[in-house]
Amino acid sequence: MSRRIRISNLLAILSLLGLLALIFSWIIWFVTPPHWPRPLLILLAALPLALPLRGMLYRRYRSHLLAAYLSLLYALHGGSELWVAERLWLPLLEVVLALSLFFSCALFVRFSRNENPELR
């Protein structure tokens, strides 16, 4: 396993965990949801991010692909929240973490495909 693959995997995992922590803290401490119960919001917001985590820890190719696709939804959510949010740093941090997750997963997929020709 090359150094580039390990670094991109580590950056992807850290970005995913940071995005999960941001989603939890956003729902629990910073924004009180008026019409939805908090556990349901946490389930809807955090569960899709938690699904590829186990595969990413084992450096699985398809888990990184799934995480990259899911991160685009969170980047869109953060971009739409930038227009209406009172605190601008929360959605800005969500966009930065989601794009960091996307690019680190894309680099992992590219580097691992170059190392394993049967993944092509």
N, C-alpha and C. Protein backbone atom coordinates (compact mmCIF):
# COMPACT_ATOMS: atom_id res chain seq x y z
N MET A 1 0.84 -1.17 0.00
CA MET A 1 0.00 0.00 0.00
C MET A 1 0.89 1.24 0.00
N SER A 2 0.67 2.08 -0.96
CA SER A 2 1.54 3.24 -1.11
C SER A 2 1.18 4.32 -0.09
N ARG A 3 2.08 5.25 0.04
CA ARG A 3 1.91 6.34 1.01
C ARG A 3 0.76 7.25 0.59
N ARG A 4 0.58 7.47 -0.71
CA ARG A 4 -0.49 8.34 -1.20
C ARG A 4 -1.86 7.77 -0.85
N ILE A 5 -2.00 6.46 -0.92
CA ILE A 5 -3.28 5.83 -0.59
C ILE A 5 -3.56 5.96 0.90
N ARG A 6 -2.55 5.75 1.73
CA ARG A 6 -2.75 5.87 3.18
C ARG A 6 -3.12 7.29 3.58
N ILE A 7 -2.45 8.28 2.98
CA ILE A 7 -2.73 9.67 3.34
C ILE A 7 -4.13 10.09 2.88
N SER A 8 -4.51 9.70 1.67
CA SER A 8 -5.85 10.07 1.20
C SER A 8 -6.93 9.34 1.99
N ASN A 9 -6.68 8.10 2.42
CA ASN A 9 -7.63 7.38 3.25
C ASN A 9 -7.76 8.05 4.61
N LEU A 10 -6.65 8.44 5.21
CA LEU A 10 -6.69 9.10 6.51
C LEU A 10 -7.42 10.44 6.42
N LEU A 11 -7.16 11.20 5.38
CA LEU A 11 -7.84 12.47 5.21
C LEU A 11 -9.34 12.27 4.98
N ALA A 12 -9.72 11.23 4.26
CA ALA A 12 -11.13 10.95 4.04
C ALA A 12 -11.82 10.56 5.34
N ILE A 13 -11.18 9.74 6.15
CA ILE A 13 -11.78 9.32 7.42
C ILE A 13 -11.90 10.51 8.37
N LEU A 14 -10.87 11.34 8.44
CA LEU A 14 -10.94 12.52 9.31
C LEU A 14 -12.01 13.50 8.85
N SER A 15 -12.15 13.66 7.54
CA SER A 15 -13.20 14.55 7.02
C SER A 15 -14.58 14.00 7.34
N LEU A 16 -14.75 12.69 7.20
CA LEU A 16 -16.04 12.07 7.50
C LEU A 16 -16.38 12.21 8.97
N LEU A 17 -15.42 11.95 9.85
CA LEU A 17 -15.67 12.08 11.28
C LEU A 17 -15.93 13.53 11.67
N GLY A 18 -15.23 14.46 11.04
CA GLY A 18 -15.48 15.87 11.30
C GLY A 18 -16.87 16.30 10.85
N LEU A 19 -17.30 15.79 9.70
CA LEU A 19 -18.64 16.10 9.20
C LEU A 19 -19.71 15.48 10.10
N LEU A 20 -19.47 14.27 10.58
CA LEU A 20 -20.40 13.66 11.53
C LEU A 20 -20.49 14.47 12.82
N ALA A 21 -19.35 14.89 13.34
CA ALA A 21 -19.35 15.69 14.57
C ALA A 21 -20.05 17.03 14.36
N LEU A 22 -19.86 17.63 13.20
CA LEU A 22 -20.54 18.89 12.91
C LEU A 22 -22.05 18.70 12.83
N ILE A 23 -22.51 17.65 12.18
CA ILE A 23 -23.94 17.38 12.07
C ILE A 23 -24.55 17.16 13.46
N PHE A 24 -23.88 16.36 14.29
CA PHE A 24 -24.39 16.12 15.64
C PHE A 24 -24.45 17.42 16.45
N SER A 25 -23.38 18.18 16.43
CA SER A 25 -23.36 19.41 17.22
C SER A 25 -24.33 20.44 16.67
N TRP A 26 -24.51 20.49 15.37
CA TRP A 26 -25.44 21.43 14.76
C TRP A 26 -26.86 21.15 15.25
N ILE A 27 -27.25 19.89 15.24
CA ILE A 27 -28.62 19.53 15.62
C ILE A 27 -28.81 19.61 17.13
N ILE A 28 -27.83 19.21 17.91
CA ILE A 28 -28.01 19.13 19.35
C ILE A 28 -27.84 20.48 20.03
N TRP A 29 -26.79 21.25 19.68
CA TRP A 29 -26.50 22.46 20.43
C TRP A 29 -26.84 23.77 19.73
N PHE A 30 -26.57 23.86 18.46
CA PHE A 30 -26.62 25.17 17.83
C PHE A 30 -27.98 25.57 17.27
N VAL A 31 -28.71 24.65 16.69
CA VAL A 31 -30.00 24.97 16.08
C VAL A 31 -31.07 24.08 16.70
N THR A 32 -32.10 24.70 17.23
CA THR A 32 -33.20 23.92 17.78
C THR A 32 -34.26 23.73 16.70
N PRO A 33 -34.54 22.49 16.33
CA PRO A 33 -35.54 22.26 15.29
C PRO A 33 -36.96 22.52 15.81
N PRO A 34 -37.73 23.34 15.11
CA PRO A 34 -39.05 23.71 15.63
C PRO A 34 -40.11 22.61 15.49
N HIS A 35 -40.13 21.87 14.40
CA HIS A 35 -41.22 20.95 14.15
C HIS A 35 -40.81 19.48 14.12
N TRP A 36 -39.54 19.19 14.17
CA TRP A 36 -39.07 17.82 14.06
C TRP A 36 -38.41 17.40 15.37
N PRO A 37 -38.59 16.17 15.79
CA PRO A 37 -37.86 15.71 16.98
C PRO A 37 -36.37 15.52 16.66
N ARG A 38 -35.56 15.83 17.62
CA ARG A 38 -34.10 15.77 17.42
C ARG A 38 -33.58 14.38 17.05
N PRO A 39 -34.05 13.30 17.70
CA PRO A 39 -33.52 11.99 17.31
C PRO A 39 -33.80 11.63 15.85
N LEU A 40 -34.95 12.04 15.35
CA LEU A 40 -35.26 11.76 13.95
C LEU A 40 -34.35 12.55 13.02
N LEU A 41 -34.07 13.80 13.36
CA LEU A 41 -33.15 14.60 12.54
C LEU A 41 -31.74 14.03 12.56
N ILE A 42 -31.30 13.60 13.73
CA ILE A 42 -29.97 13.00 13.82
C ILE A 42 -29.91 11.72 12.99
N LEU A 43 -30.97 10.93 13.05
CA LEU A 43 -31.02 9.69 12.28
C LEU A 43 -30.99 9.98 10.78
N LEU A 44 -31.76 10.95 10.33
CA LEU A 44 -31.81 11.28 8.91
C LEU A 44 -30.53 11.95 8.41
N ALA A 45 -29.87 12.72 9.27
CA ALA A 45 -28.69 13.46 8.83
C ALA A 45 -27.39 12.68 9.01
N ALA A 46 -27.29 11.89 10.06
CA ALA A 46 -26.01 11.24 10.36
C ALA A 46 -25.92 9.80 9.87
N LEU A 47 -27.04 9.12 9.74
CA LEU A 47 -26.98 7.72 9.33
C LEU A 47 -26.39 7.52 7.94
N PRO A 48 -26.73 8.34 6.94
CA PRO A 48 -26.08 8.13 5.63
C PRO A 48 -24.57 8.29 5.68
N LEU A 49 -24.07 9.16 6.55
CA LEU A 49 -22.61 9.31 6.67
C LEU A 49 -21.97 8.14 7.41
N ALA A 50 -22.71 7.52 8.29
CA ALA A 50 -22.14 6.42 9.07
C ALA A 50 -22.07 5.12 8.28
N LEU A 51 -22.84 5.01 7.21
CA LEU A 51 -22.86 3.76 6.45
C LEU A 51 -21.51 3.40 5.81
N PRO A 52 -20.81 4.30 5.14
CA PRO A 52 -19.55 3.89 4.52
C PRO A 52 -18.34 3.89 5.46
N LEU A 53 -18.54 4.23 6.73
CA LEU A 53 -17.39 4.38 7.63
C LEU A 53 -16.63 3.08 7.85
N ARG A 54 -17.33 1.98 8.03
CA ARG A 54 -16.65 0.70 8.28
C ARG A 54 -15.80 0.28 7.08
N GLY A 55 -16.36 0.43 5.89
CA GLY A 55 -15.60 0.09 4.70
C GLY A 55 -14.41 1.01 4.47
N MET A 56 -14.56 2.27 4.87
CA MET A 56 -13.43 3.19 4.72
C MET A 56 -12.31 2.85 5.69
N LEU A 57 -12.67 2.35 6.85
CA LEU A 57 -11.63 1.94 7.81
C LEU A 57 -10.85 0.75 7.30
N TYR A 58 -11.49 -0.11 6.50
CA TYR A 58 -10.82 -1.25 5.90
C TYR A 58 -10.28 -0.95 4.50
N ARG A 59 -10.31 0.30 4.09
CA ARG A 59 -9.78 0.77 2.80
C ARG A 59 -10.47 0.08 1.62
N ARG A 60 -11.78 0.05 1.67
CA ARG A 60 -12.53 -0.54 0.57
C ARG A 60 -12.85 0.52 -0.48
N TYR A 61 -12.69 0.14 -1.70
CA TYR A 61 -12.84 1.02 -2.86
C TYR A 61 -14.26 1.57 -2.97
N ARG A 62 -15.26 0.71 -2.87
CA ARG A 62 -16.66 1.13 -3.08
C ARG A 62 -17.20 1.97 -1.93
N SER A 63 -16.68 1.77 -0.75
CA SER A 63 -17.10 2.61 0.37
C SER A 63 -16.65 4.05 0.18
N HIS A 64 -15.48 4.21 -0.39
CA HIS A 64 -15.00 5.57 -0.69
C HIS A 64 -15.84 6.20 -1.80
N LEU A 65 -16.25 5.39 -2.77
CA LEU A 65 -17.13 5.93 -3.81
C LEU A 65 -18.47 6.38 -3.22
N LEU A 66 -19.05 5.57 -2.35
CA LEU A 66 -20.32 5.93 -1.72
C LEU A 66 -20.16 7.19 -0.88
N ALA A 67 -19.09 7.28 -0.13
CA ALA A 67 -18.86 8.47 0.70
C ALA A 67 -18.67 9.72 -0.16
N ALA A 68 -18.02 9.57 -1.30
CA ALA A 68 -17.84 10.72 -2.19
C ALA A 68 -19.17 11.20 -2.73
N TYR A 69 -20.03 10.28 -3.13
CA TYR A 69 -21.35 10.68 -3.64
C TYR A 69 -22.21 11.30 -2.54
N LEU A 70 -22.16 10.75 -1.34
CA LEU A 70 -22.94 11.30 -0.24
C LEU A 70 -22.43 12.68 0.18
N SER A 71 -21.13 12.89 0.06
CA SER A 71 -20.58 14.18 0.48
C SER A 71 -21.09 15.33 -0.39
N LEU A 72 -21.44 15.03 -1.63
CA LEU A 72 -21.98 16.08 -2.49
C LEU A 72 -23.34 16.56 -1.99
N LEU A 73 -24.14 15.67 -1.42
CA LEU A 73 -25.42 16.08 -0.84
C LEU A 73 -25.21 17.02 0.35
N TYR A 74 -24.20 16.73 1.15
CA TYR A 74 -23.93 17.59 2.30
C TYR A 74 -23.33 18.93 1.86
N ALA A 75 -22.59 18.93 0.78
CA ALA A 75 -22.08 20.20 0.24
C ALA A 75 -23.24 21.05 -0.28
N LEU A 76 -24.20 20.42 -0.94
CA LEU A 76 -25.39 21.15 -1.39
C LEU A 76 -26.21 21.67 -0.22
N HIS A 77 -26.34 20.87 0.83
CA HIS A 77 -27.07 21.32 2.02
C HIS A 77 -26.37 22.52 2.65
N GLY A 78 -25.06 22.45 2.78
CA GLY A 78 -24.32 23.57 3.36
C GLY A 78 -24.41 24.82 2.50
N GLY A 79 -24.37 24.63 1.18
CA GLY A 79 -24.50 25.79 0.29
C GLY A 79 -25.86 26.44 0.37
N SER A 80 -26.90 25.65 0.51
CA SER A 80 -28.24 26.23 0.64
C SER A 80 -28.43 26.88 2.01
N GLU A 81 -27.80 26.33 3.03
CA GLU A 81 -27.89 26.93 4.36
C GLU A 81 -27.11 28.24 4.46
N LEU A 82 -26.13 28.41 3.60
CA LEU A 82 -25.38 29.67 3.61
C LEU A 82 -26.27 30.86 3.29
N TRP A 83 -27.31 30.65 2.52
CA TRP A 83 -28.21 31.75 2.14
C TRP A 83 -29.14 32.17 3.26
N VAL A 84 -29.49 31.23 4.16
CA VAL A 84 -30.53 31.53 5.15
C VAL A 84 -30.03 31.46 6.60
N ALA A 85 -28.82 31.04 6.83
CA ALA A 85 -28.36 30.79 8.20
C ALA A 85 -28.01 32.09 8.91
N GLU A 86 -28.23 32.08 10.22
CA GLU A 86 -27.82 33.20 11.06
C GLU A 86 -26.33 33.12 11.37
N ARG A 87 -25.89 31.91 11.63
CA ARG A 87 -24.45 31.68 11.87
C ARG A 87 -23.84 31.17 10.58
N LEU A 88 -22.99 31.95 9.97
CA LEU A 88 -22.42 31.56 8.69
C LEU A 88 -21.30 30.52 8.81
N TRP A 89 -20.71 30.39 9.97
CA TRP A 89 -19.57 29.48 10.09
C TRP A 89 -20.00 28.03 10.08
N LEU A 90 -21.22 27.71 10.52
CA LEU A 90 -21.68 26.32 10.50
C LEU A 90 -21.84 25.78 9.09
N PRO A 91 -22.60 26.44 8.21
CA PRO A 91 -22.69 25.90 6.85
C PRO A 91 -21.39 25.99 6.06
N LEU A 92 -20.59 27.01 6.35
CA LEU A 92 -19.30 27.12 5.66
C LEU A 92 -18.39 25.96 6.04
N LEU A 93 -18.39 25.61 7.30
CA LEU A 93 -17.60 24.46 7.75
C LEU A 93 -18.13 23.16 7.15
N GLU A 94 -19.46 23.06 6.99
CA GLU A 94 -20.04 21.87 6.38
C GLU A 94 -19.61 21.75 4.92
N VAL A 95 -19.59 22.86 4.20
CA VAL A 95 -19.17 22.82 2.80
C VAL A 95 -17.70 22.44 2.69
N VAL A 96 -16.87 23.01 3.55
CA VAL A 96 -15.43 22.71 3.51
C VAL A 96 -15.18 21.25 3.84
N LEU A 97 -15.82 20.72 4.86
CA LEU A 97 -15.63 19.32 5.23
C LEU A 97 -16.18 18.37 4.17
N ALA A 98 -17.32 18.71 3.58
CA ALA A 98 -17.90 17.85 2.55
C ALA A 98 -17.02 17.83 1.30
N LEU A 99 -16.50 18.98 0.90
CA LEU A 99 -15.63 19.00 -0.27
C LEU A 99 -14.29 18.34 0.01
N SER A 100 -13.81 18.47 1.23
CA SER A 100 -12.59 17.76 1.61
C SER A 100 -12.80 16.25 1.57
N LEU A 101 -13.96 15.80 2.03
CA LEU A 101 -14.29 14.38 1.95
C LEU A 101 -14.38 13.93 0.50
N PHE A 102 -15.02 14.72 -0.33
CA PHE A 102 -15.17 14.34 -1.73
C PHE A 102 -13.81 14.21 -2.43
N PHE A 103 -12.96 15.21 -2.28
CA PHE A 103 -11.69 15.17 -2.99
C PHE A 103 -10.73 14.12 -2.43
N SER A 104 -10.76 13.90 -1.12
CA SER A 104 -9.88 12.86 -0.58
C SER A 104 -10.36 11.47 -0.99
N CYS A 105 -11.68 11.26 -1.07
CA CYS A 105 -12.19 9.98 -1.56
C CYS A 105 -11.88 9.80 -3.04
N ALA A 106 -11.99 10.87 -3.81
CA ALA A 106 -11.66 10.78 -5.23
C ALA A 106 -10.18 10.45 -5.43
N LEU A 107 -9.32 11.05 -4.62
CA LEU A 107 -7.89 10.73 -4.72
C LEU A 107 -7.62 9.30 -4.30
N PHE A 108 -8.30 8.82 -3.26
CA PHE A 108 -8.12 7.43 -2.85
C PHE A 108 -8.51 6.48 -3.97
N VAL A 109 -9.64 6.73 -4.60
CA VAL A 109 -10.11 5.86 -5.68
C VAL A 109 -9.12 5.90 -6.84
N ARG A 110 -8.65 7.07 -7.18
CA ARG A 110 -7.70 7.19 -8.30
C ARG A 110 -6.39 6.47 -8.00
N PHE A 111 -5.85 6.69 -6.81
CA PHE A 111 -4.57 6.06 -6.46
C PHE A 111 -4.71 4.54 -6.34
N SER A 112 -5.82 4.08 -5.77
CA SER A 112 -5.97 2.63 -5.63
C SER A 112 -6.25 1.97 -6.97
N ARG A 113 -6.89 2.66 -7.89
CA ARG A 113 -7.09 2.10 -9.23
C ARG A 113 -5.78 2.04 -9.99
N ASN A 114 -4.89 2.99 -9.77
CA ASN A 114 -3.58 2.94 -10.43
C ASN A 114 -2.73 1.80 -9.88
N GLU A 115 -2.91 1.47 -8.60
CA GLU A 115 -2.11 0.41 -8.00
C GLU A 115 -2.68 -0.98 -8.30
N ASN A 116 -4.01 -1.10 -8.38
CA ASN A 116 -4.67 -2.38 -8.67
C ASN A 116 -5.31 -2.32 -10.04
N PRO A 117 -4.73 -2.91 -11.05
CA PRO A 117 -5.31 -2.83 -12.39
C PRO A 117 -6.64 -3.58 -12.54
N GLU A 118 -6.93 -4.56 -11.67
CA GLU A 118 -8.20 -5.28 -11.82
C GLU A 118 -9.40 -4.48 -11.34
N LEU A 119 -9.19 -3.32 -10.71
CA LEU A 119 -10.30 -2.46 -10.30
C LEU A 119 -10.83 -1.63 -11.46
N ARG A 120 -10.13 -1.60 -12.56
CA ARG A 120 -10.55 -0.78 -13.69
C ARG A 120 -11.71 -1.33 -14.41
